Protein backbone atom coordinates (compact mmCIF):
# COMPACT_ATOMS: atom_id res chain seq x y z
CA UNK A 1 -41.73 40.79 -17.34
CA UNK A 2 -41.33 37.83 -14.96
CA UNK A 3 -43.04 35.55 -17.47
CA UNK A 4 -40.49 36.66 -20.03
CA UNK A 5 -37.39 35.85 -17.89
CA UNK A 6 -38.75 32.75 -16.12
CA UNK A 7 -37.84 30.36 -18.97
CA UNK A 8 -34.32 31.85 -19.11
CA UNK A 9 -33.88 31.56 -15.34
CA UNK A 10 -35.13 27.95 -15.41
CA UNK A 11 -32.72 27.15 -18.24
CA UNK A 12 -29.84 28.74 -16.28
CA UNK A 13 -30.71 26.70 -13.18
CA UNK A 14 -30.82 23.47 -15.15
CA UNK A 15 -27.49 24.26 -16.81
CA UNK A 16 -25.80 24.81 -13.44
CA UNK A 17 -27.46 21.88 -11.63
CA UNK A 18 -25.07 19.09 -10.66
CA UNK A 19 -24.85 16.18 -13.05
CA UNK A 20 -25.32 13.82 -10.09
CA UNK A 21 -29.09 14.11 -10.48
CA UNK A 22 -29.40 10.95 -12.52
CA UNK A 23 -32.59 9.44 -13.80
CA UNK A 24 -34.22 6.87 -11.50
CA UNK A 25 -32.35 3.55 -11.66
CA UNK A 26 -29.15 5.09 -13.06
CA UNK A 27 -25.96 5.24 -10.98
CA UNK A 28 -25.11 8.53 -9.33
CA UNK A 29 -21.56 9.85 -9.15
CA UNK A 30 -21.22 10.45 -5.42
CA UNK A 31 -17.52 11.39 -5.67
CA UNK A 32 -18.11 14.12 -8.24
CA UNK A 33 -15.12 16.41 -8.34
CA UNK A 34 -12.62 13.73 -7.30
CA UNK A 35 -11.04 13.53 -10.74
CA UNK A 36 -7.66 14.18 -9.15
CA UNK A 37 -7.27 12.70 -5.69
CA UNK A 38 -4.67 14.46 -3.58
CA UNK A 39 -2.44 12.82 -0.95
CA UNK A 40 -4.36 14.73 1.71
CA UNK A 41 -7.60 13.06 0.66
CA UNK A 42 -5.94 9.64 0.55
CA UNK A 43 -4.18 10.20 3.87
CA UNK A 44 -1.00 8.83 2.29
CA UNK A 45 2.10 10.43 0.84
CA UNK A 46 5.08 8.50 -0.56
CA UNK A 47 8.22 10.36 -1.57
CA UNK A 48 11.94 9.91 -2.15
CA UNK A 49 14.34 11.12 0.51
CA UNK A 50 17.50 11.70 -1.51
CA UNK A 51 19.64 12.71 1.48
CA UNK A 52 19.01 9.39 3.24
CA UNK A 53 18.73 7.34 0.01
CA UNK A 54 15.33 6.19 1.23
CA UNK A 55 11.62 6.24 0.57
CA UNK A 56 9.41 8.16 2.99
CA UNK A 57 5.86 6.95 3.70
CA UNK A 58 3.59 9.32 5.61
CA UNK A 59 0.17 7.97 6.54
CA UNK A 60 -2.79 9.28 8.52
CA UNK A 61 -4.23 5.80 9.20
CA UNK A 62 -3.28 2.11 9.02
CA UNK A 63 -2.28 0.99 5.54
CA UNK A 64 -0.40 -1.63 3.55
CA UNK A 65 2.09 -0.52 0.90
CA UNK A 66 3.06 -2.97 -1.84
CA UNK A 67 6.81 -2.37 -2.03
CA UNK A 68 7.24 -4.57 -5.11
CA UNK A 69 6.10 -7.80 -6.73
CA UNK A 70 8.90 -10.20 -7.70
CA UNK A 71 8.57 -12.60 -10.64
CA UNK A 72 9.94 -16.03 -9.63
CA UNK A 73 8.71 -18.13 -12.56
CA UNK A 74 12.17 -18.91 -13.92
CA UNK A 75 13.72 -19.77 -10.52
CA UNK A 76 13.51 -23.08 -8.72
CA UNK A 77 12.91 -21.89 -5.15
CA UNK A 78 11.91 -25.03 -3.22
CA UNK A 79 14.19 -26.23 -0.41
CA UNK A 80 15.44 -22.69 0.17
CA UNK A 81 14.96 -19.98 2.75
CA UNK A 82 13.69 -16.72 1.26
CA UNK A 83 14.05 -13.45 3.15
CA UNK A 84 12.60 -9.99 2.63
CA UNK A 85 14.62 -7.39 4.51
CA UNK A 86 14.89 -3.60 4.73
CA UNK A 87 16.25 -0.89 6.95
CA UNK A 88 13.49 1.13 8.64
CA UNK A 89 13.12 4.05 11.00
CA UNK A 90 10.11 6.07 12.07
CA UNK A 91 8.95 9.51 13.10
CA UNK A 92 5.81 10.18 15.15
CA UNK A 93 4.65 6.59 14.69
CA UNK A 94 1.59 5.50 16.65
CA UNK A 95 1.17 1.76 16.46
CA UNK A 96 3.67 -0.48 14.71
CA UNK A 97 5.01 -1.34 11.26
CA UNK A 98 6.43 -4.58 9.90
CA UNK A 99 7.47 -6.30 6.69
CA UNK A 100 5.17 -8.84 5.05
CA UNK A 101 5.89 -11.35 2.27
CA UNK A 102 3.31 -13.25 0.23
CA UNK A 103 4.56 -16.19 -1.86
CA UNK A 104 2.13 -17.42 -4.53
CA UNK A 105 2.46 -21.18 -4.97
CA UNK A 106 0.45 -22.67 -7.88
CA UNK A 107 -1.54 -25.70 -6.79
CA UNK A 108 -1.48 -24.76 -3.11
CA UNK A 109 -4.97 -25.00 -1.58
CA UNK A 110 -4.84 -21.50 -0.04
CA UNK A 111 -2.80 -20.09 -2.93
CA UNK A 112 -0.27 -18.12 -0.84
CA UNK A 113 2.28 -18.68 1.87
CA UNK A 114 2.47 -15.61 4.11
CA UNK A 115 5.28 -14.48 6.38
CA UNK A 116 4.91 -11.44 8.62
CA UNK A 117 7.52 -9.75 10.78
CA UNK A 118 5.26 -9.59 13.86
CA UNK A 119 8.01 -10.84 16.14
CA UNK A 120 10.09 -7.65 15.83
CA UNK A 121 8.01 -4.73 14.52
CA UNK A 122 9.12 -1.13 14.18
CA UNK A 123 7.44 0.72 17.04
CA UNK A 124 7.22 4.19 18.46
CA UNK A 125 9.67 3.09 21.13
CA UNK A 126 12.18 2.03 18.47
CA UNK A 127 15.13 4.39 18.31
CA UNK A 128 15.01 6.97 15.51
CA UNK A 129 18.02 5.31 13.91
CA UNK A 130 18.16 2.91 11.01
CA UNK A 131 17.49 -0.71 12.06
CA UNK A 132 17.32 -3.83 9.92
CA UNK A 133 14.00 -5.70 9.83
CA UNK A 134 13.19 -8.94 8.02
CA UNK A 135 10.72 -11.70 7.53
CA UNK A 136 11.62 -15.18 6.21
CA UNK A 137 10.05 -18.38 5.01
CA UNK A 138 11.68 -21.79 4.51
CA UNK A 139 10.20 -23.54 1.51
CA UNK A 140 9.72 -27.32 1.57
CA UNK A 141 10.20 -29.69 -1.32
CA UNK A 142 7.77 -28.91 -4.18
CA UNK A 143 6.77 -25.56 -2.66
CA UNK A 144 7.76 -23.58 -5.74
CA UNK A 145 6.44 -20.01 -5.72
CA UNK A 146 6.00 -18.18 -9.02
CA UNK A 147 5.63 -14.72 -7.44
CA UNK A 148 6.55 -12.88 -4.25
CA UNK A 149 4.71 -9.78 -3.09
CA UNK A 150 6.67 -7.66 -0.65
CA UNK A 151 4.69 -5.29 1.58
CA UNK A 152 5.22 -2.73 4.30
CA UNK A 153 2.33 -2.91 6.78
CA UNK A 154 1.68 0.10 8.99
CA UNK A 155 -0.77 -0.53 11.84
CA UNK A 156 -1.11 3.06 12.95
CA UNK A 157 -0.18 6.47 11.64
CA UNK A 158 3.04 8.41 11.27
CA UNK A 159 6.10 8.48 9.04
CA UNK A 160 8.22 5.48 8.05
CA UNK A 161 11.55 5.70 6.25
CA UNK A 162 12.67 2.65 4.23
CA UNK A 163 15.94 1.84 2.46
CA UNK A 164 18.18 -1.07 1.41
CA UNK A 165 15.27 -3.33 0.44
CA UNK A 166 16.43 -6.87 -0.37
CA UNK A 167 14.85 -10.18 -1.35
CA UNK A 168 17.33 -13.04 -0.92
CA UNK A 169 17.42 -16.80 -0.91
CA UNK A 170 19.67 -19.31 0.83
CA UNK A 171 19.93 -22.98 -0.06
């Protein structure tokens, strides 16, 4: 009787075996079952806060959020001061958060000019009220960026609220 059911049991085992048993030399899917990654797995949740007209960023570890890229190809931006600003506040923040701006300049040896708001970061000790934060860069003659990338950098964990995001230039 065992001889009769053994092939069926073996077939059932093979049918239920994980597909991650690949042939030698073939890649194995280590993250099997991660077809849909939840915010809990990522450690990051971004949502709209309609009452405060803001975006809420909750993170379990340090992260950088690309707020938005800005196309500057049709603007002559040299000899101007560009500023990325936003109003921020925090809740249960460990570490600090600041604004960061990358300006891509074609022909520049390093490719990007980077400005970071290290000098006045949002910290745990910051009051839980809205405060304006900014980072700026003064462009020299012939420093003509074709794109700006505006980031929120969080060096810690906690919740950041962000509103009134602006990218401005002054002659």
